[in-house]
Amino acid sequence: MSRRRKLLEGYVEGWRSMNSELVLSTLADGFTFDDPALAEPVTKAAMAAYMSSWNDRVKSLSGAWRYENSHEVVEDRDGALLRWKWWRFTGTDIEGTALTKTTDDGMQYERITYYPNMPTWAGEGPGGAGGSAAAAEPARRRPSRLRL
């Protein structure tokens, strides 16, 4: 199994078990997590706080930290492992997609989207409520900075 495949598996398992130490161990130095419900992307340094607030937020929507994946596409080419999946929070109408890019240096990014409804925490910073002036603004979709 390639190093990037092992890193991706560690990242996925870290999210499933809400183990921020495991997730952090898979991230490249320049990692970003792009959640359109937030004003700014989450950096590697802010990832543990984001995961903690994510867990609380999802529990507030559905009463439990659970999600389902229904489709997944993975391609390993030119030194990068790209993974796309469709997900849904169990017990809610919130669903979306996620795209990750992993190299042998670690997870480079994850980009998520929401369909059809944006969660109620739109605009909050990665550490929770009130993290930025954007928290008071209406939810809006930021332009994508996707690098493949």
C-alpha atoms as a PDB file:
ATOM      1  CA  MET A   1       0.000   0.000   0.000  1.00  0.00           C
ATOM      2  CA  SER A   2       1.345   3.434  -0.928  1.00  0.00           C
ATOM      3  CA  ARG A   3       2.238   6.032   1.703  1.00  0.00           C
ATOM      4  CA  ARG A   4      -0.491   8.394   0.435  1.00  0.00           C
ATOM      5  CA  ARG A   5      -3.112   5.608   0.691  1.00  0.00           C
ATOM      6  CA  LYS A   6      -2.069   4.953   4.307  1.00  0.00           C
ATOM      7  CA  LEU A   7      -2.284   8.676   5.073  1.00  0.00           C
ATOM      8  CA  LEU A   8      -5.767   8.890   3.549  1.00  0.00           C
ATOM      9  CA  GLU A   9      -6.924   5.859   5.535  1.00  0.00           C
ATOM     10  CA  GLY A  10      -5.552   7.397   8.738  1.00  0.00           C
ATOM     11  CA  TYR A  11      -7.332  10.678   7.981  1.00  0.00           C
ATOM     12  CA  VAL A  12     -10.654   8.932   7.330  1.00  0.00           C
ATOM     13  CA  GLU A  13     -10.316   6.797  10.468  1.00  0.00           C
ATOM     14  CA  GLY A  14      -9.414   9.879  12.506  1.00  0.00           C
ATOM     15  CA  TRP A  15     -12.641  11.577  11.422  1.00  0.00           C
ATOM     16  CA  ARG A  16     -14.743   8.442  12.012  1.00  0.00           C
ATOM     17  CA  SER A  17     -13.395   8.122  15.550  1.00  0.00           C
ATOM     18  CA  MET A  18     -13.122  11.915  16.122  1.00  0.00           C
ATOM     19  CA  ASN A  19      -9.425  11.413  16.937  1.00  0.00           C
ATOM     20  CA  SER A  20      -7.837  14.786  16.201  1.00  0.00           C
ATOM     21  CA  GLU A  21      -4.333  13.492  16.997  1.00  0.00           C
ATOM     22  CA  LEU A  22      -4.672  10.852  14.286  1.00  0.00           C
ATOM     23  CA  VAL A  23      -6.044  13.395  11.800  1.00  0.00           C
ATOM     24  CA  LEU A  24      -3.232  15.852  12.575  1.00  0.00           C
ATOM     25  CA  SER A  25      -0.618  13.130  12.040  1.00  0.00           C
ATOM     26  CA  THR A  26      -1.771  12.777   8.417  1.00  0.00           C
ATOM     27  CA  LEU A  27      -1.770  16.468   7.434  1.00  0.00           C
ATOM     28  CA  ALA A  28       0.825  18.174   5.252  1.00  0.00           C
ATOM     29  CA  ASP A  29       2.231  21.462   6.565  1.00  0.00           C
ATOM     30  CA  GLY A  30       0.167  23.562   4.138  1.00  0.00           C
ATOM     31  CA  PHE A  31      -3.084  21.618   4.682  1.00  0.00           C
ATOM     32  CA  THR A  32      -6.415  23.462   4.455  1.00  0.00           C
ATOM     33  CA  PHE A  33      -9.965  22.336   5.149  1.00  0.00           C
ATOM     34  CA  ASP A  34     -12.390  24.423   3.124  1.00  0.00           C
ATOM     35  CA  ASP A  35     -15.886  24.516   4.612  1.00  0.00           C
ATOM     36  CA  PRO A  36     -18.138  27.040   2.791  1.00  0.00           C
ATOM     37  CA  ALA A  37     -20.056  27.586   6.035  1.00  0.00           C
ATOM     38  CA  LEU A  38     -16.965  29.284   7.470  1.00  0.00           C
ATOM     39  CA  ALA A  39     -15.502  32.656   6.567  1.00  0.00           C
ATOM     40  CA  GLU A  40     -11.961  31.267   6.097  1.00  0.00           C
ATOM     41  CA  PRO A  41     -10.407  27.849   5.427  1.00  0.00           C
ATOM     42  CA  VAL A  42      -9.232  25.869   8.460  1.00  0.00           C
ATOM     43  CA  THR A  43      -5.457  25.434   8.657  1.00  0.00           C
ATOM     44  CA  LYS A  44      -3.502  22.539  10.107  1.00  0.00           C
ATOM     45  CA  ALA A  45      -2.895  24.588  13.273  1.00  0.00           C
ATOM     46  CA  ALA A  46      -6.658  25.115  13.776  1.00  0.00           C
ATOM     47  CA  MET A  47      -7.802  21.611  12.821  1.00  0.00           C
ATOM     48  CA  ALA A  48      -8.122  20.129  16.340  1.00  0.00           C
ATOM     49  CA  ALA A  49     -10.349  23.039  17.447  1.00  0.00           C
ATOM     50  CA  TYR A  50     -12.404  22.721  14.260  1.00  0.00           C
ATOM     51  CA  MET A  51     -12.941  19.009  14.859  1.00  0.00           C
ATOM     52  CA  SER A  52     -14.077  19.679  18.417  1.00  0.00           C
ATOM     53  CA  SER A  53     -16.581  22.320  17.311  1.00  0.00           C
ATOM     54  CA  TRP A  54     -17.685  20.141  14.349  1.00  0.00           C
ATOM     55  CA  ASN A  55     -18.615  17.300  16.666  1.00  0.00           C
ATOM     56  CA  ASP A  56     -20.726  19.608  18.859  1.00  0.00           C
ATOM     57  CA  ARG A  57     -22.386  21.225  15.840  1.00  0.00           C
ATOM     58  CA  VAL A  58     -23.399  17.960  14.212  1.00  0.00           C
ATOM     59  CA  LYS A  59     -24.749  16.643  17.507  1.00  0.00           C
ATOM     60  CA  SER A  60     -26.874  19.803  17.811  1.00  0.00           C
ATOM     61  CA  LEU A  61     -28.394  19.094  14.378  1.00  0.00           C
ATOM     62  CA  SER A  62     -29.046  15.380  14.633  1.00  0.00           C
ATOM     63  CA  GLY A  63     -28.520  14.386  18.260  1.00  0.00           C
ATOM     64  CA  ALA A  64     -25.599  12.150  17.346  1.00  0.00           C
ATOM     65  CA  TRP A  65     -22.283  12.291  15.548  1.00  0.00           C
ATOM     66  CA  ARG A  66     -23.084  10.089  12.576  1.00  0.00           C
ATOM     67  CA  TYR A  67     -22.838  10.402   8.848  1.00  0.00           C
ATOM     68  CA  GLU A  68     -23.341   8.079   5.917  1.00  0.00           C
ATOM     69  CA  ASN A  69     -21.415   7.845   2.656  1.00  0.00           C
ATOM     70  CA  SER A  70     -23.331   6.699  -0.399  1.00  0.00           C
ATOM     71  CA  HIS A  71     -20.825   7.153  -3.241  1.00  0.00           C
ATOM     72  CA  GLU A  72     -17.055   7.324  -3.436  1.00  0.00           C
ATOM     73  CA  VAL A  73     -14.535   7.729  -6.262  1.00  0.00           C
ATOM     74  CA  VAL A  74     -10.778   7.417  -5.691  1.00  0.00           C
ATOM     75  CA  GLU A  75      -8.018   7.961  -8.238  1.00  0.00           C
ATOM     76  CA  ASP A  76      -4.275   7.686  -7.650  1.00  0.00           C
ATOM     77  CA  ARG A  77      -2.360   9.404 -10.442  1.00  0.00           C
ATOM     78  CA  ASP A  78       0.750  11.525 -10.907  1.00  0.00           C
ATOM     79  CA  GLY A  79       1.740  11.320  -7.245  1.00  0.00           C
ATOM     80  CA  ALA A  80      -1.638  12.423  -5.873  1.00  0.00           C
ATOM     81  CA  LEU A  81      -4.554  10.469  -4.467  1.00  0.00           C
ATOM     82  CA  LEU A  82      -7.867  12.246  -5.093  1.00  0.00           C
ATOM     83  CA  ARG A  83     -10.989  11.095  -3.253  1.00  0.00           C
ATOM     84  CA  TRP A  84     -14.545  12.329  -3.823  1.00  0.00           C
ATOM     85  CA  LYS A  85     -17.514  11.206  -1.750  1.00  0.00           C
ATOM     86  CA  TRP A  86     -21.188  12.012  -1.228  1.00  0.00           C
ATOM     87  CA  TRP A  87     -22.184  12.199   2.455  1.00  0.00           C
ATOM     88  CA  ARG A  88     -25.263  12.884   4.601  1.00  0.00           C
ATOM     89  CA  PHE A  89     -25.652  13.651   8.314  1.00  0.00           C
ATOM     90  CA  THR A  90     -27.865  10.922   9.735  1.00  0.00           C
ATOM     91  CA  GLY A  91     -31.251  12.244  10.837  1.00  0.00           C
ATOM     92  CA  THR A  92     -30.982  15.582   8.969  1.00  0.00           C
ATOM     93  CA  ASP A  93     -31.542  16.947   5.479  1.00  0.00           C
ATOM     94  CA  ILE A  94     -27.919  18.134   5.332  1.00  0.00           C
ATOM     95  CA  GLU A  95     -25.848  16.343   2.745  1.00  0.00           C
ATOM     96  CA  GLY A  96     -23.001  17.203   0.423  1.00  0.00           C
ATOM     97  CA  THR A  97     -19.761  16.226  -1.188  1.00  0.00           C
ATOM     98  CA  ALA A  98     -16.136  16.187  -0.129  1.00  0.00           C
ATOM     99  CA  LEU A  99     -12.941  16.180  -2.164  1.00  0.00           C
ATOM    100  CA  THR A 100      -9.544  15.367  -0.684  1.00  0.00           C
ATOM    101  CA  LYS A 101      -6.061  15.417  -2.133  1.00  0.00           C
ATOM    102  CA  THR A 102      -3.295  13.371  -0.541  1.00  0.00           C
ATOM    103  CA  THR A 103       0.360  13.130  -1.582  1.00  0.00           C
ATOM    104  CA  ASP A 104       3.239  11.291   0.054  1.00  0.00           C
ATOM    105  CA  ASP A 105       3.816  14.510   2.053  1.00  0.00           C
ATOM    106  CA  GLY A 106       0.374  14.228   3.659  1.00  0.00           C
ATOM    107  CA  MET A 107      -3.188  15.419   3.240  1.00  0.00           C
ATOM    108  CA  GLN A 108      -3.071  18.583   1.157  1.00  0.00           C
ATOM    109  CA  TYR A 109      -6.702  19.637   1.463  1.00  0.00           C
ATOM    110  CA  GLU A 110     -10.292  18.712   1.985  1.00  0.00           C
ATOM    111  CA  ARG A 111     -13.057  20.740   0.324  1.00  0.00           C
ATOM    112  CA  ILE A 112     -16.665  20.154   1.356  1.00  0.00           C
ATOM    113  CA  THR A 113     -20.011  21.399   0.044  1.00  0.00           C
ATOM    114  CA  TYR A 114     -23.541  21.306   1.427  1.00  0.00           C
ATOM    115  CA  TYR A 115     -26.763  20.422  -0.439  1.00  0.00           C
ATOM    116  CA  PRO A 116     -29.532  21.531  -0.186  1.00  0.00           C
ATOM    117  CA  ASN A 117     -29.289  23.494   3.084  1.00  0.00           C
ATOM    118  CA  MET A 118     -26.373  25.304   4.657  1.00  0.00           C
ATOM    119  CA  PRO A 119     -25.988  24.441   8.361  1.00  0.00           C
ATOM    120  CA  THR A 120     -27.033  27.050  10.911  1.00  0.00           C
ATOM    121  CA  TRP A 121     -23.437  27.732  12.010  1.00  0.00           C
ATOM    122  CA  ALA A 122     -22.590  29.607   8.766  1.00  0.00           C
ATOM    123  CA  GLY A 123     -19.905  32.238   9.222  1.00  0.00           C
ATOM    124  CA  GLU A 124     -18.433  30.916  12.461  1.00  0.00           C
ATOM    125  CA  GLY A 125     -14.694  30.573  12.832  1.00  0.00           C
ATOM    126  CA  PRO A 126     -13.006  27.177  13.197  1.00  0.00           C
ATOM    127  CA  GLY A 127     -12.949  27.413  16.982  1.00  0.00           C
ATOM    128  CA  GLY A 128     -16.681  28.038  17.364  1.00  0.00           C
ATOM    129  CA  ALA A 129     -19.138  30.904  17.524  1.00  0.00           C
ATOM    130  CA  GLY A 130     -18.078  34.491  17.194  1.00  0.00           C
ATOM    131  CA  GLY A 131     -14.681  33.786  15.679  1.00  0.00           C
ATOM    132  CA  SER A 132     -14.809  36.626  13.164  1.00  0.00           C
ATOM    133  CA  ALA A 133     -16.700  39.672  11.979  1.00  0.00           C
ATOM    134  CA  ALA A 134     -18.086  37.479   9.191  1.00  0.00           C
ATOM    135  CA  ALA A 135     -20.140  35.603  11.805  1.00  0.00           C
ATOM    136  CA  ALA A 136     -22.726  38.379  11.731  1.00  0.00           C
ATOM    137  CA  GLU A 137     -22.991  38.346   7.933  1.00  0.00           C
ATOM    138  CA  PRO A 138     -25.524  36.209   6.070  1.00  0.00           C
ATOM    139  CA  ALA A 139     -24.210  32.870   4.854  1.00  0.00           C
ATOM    140  CA  ARG A 140     -22.623  33.148   1.433  1.00  0.00           C
ATOM    141  CA  ARG A 141     -20.602  30.886  -0.746  1.00  0.00           C
ATOM    142  CA  ARG A 142     -16.949  31.895  -0.985  1.00  0.00           C
ATOM    143  CA  PRO A 143     -15.187  31.547  -4.321  1.00  0.00           C
ATOM    144  CA  SER A 144     -13.397  28.239  -4.622  1.00  0.00           C
ATOM    145  CA  ARG A 145      -9.619  28.124  -4.345  1.00  0.00           C
ATOM    146  CA  LEU A 146      -9.464  24.519  -5.456  1.00  0.00           C
ATOM    147  CA  ARG A 147      -6.044  23.344  -6.593  1.00  0.00           C
ATOM    148  CA  LEU A 148      -5.971  19.913  -8.189  1.00  0.00           C
END
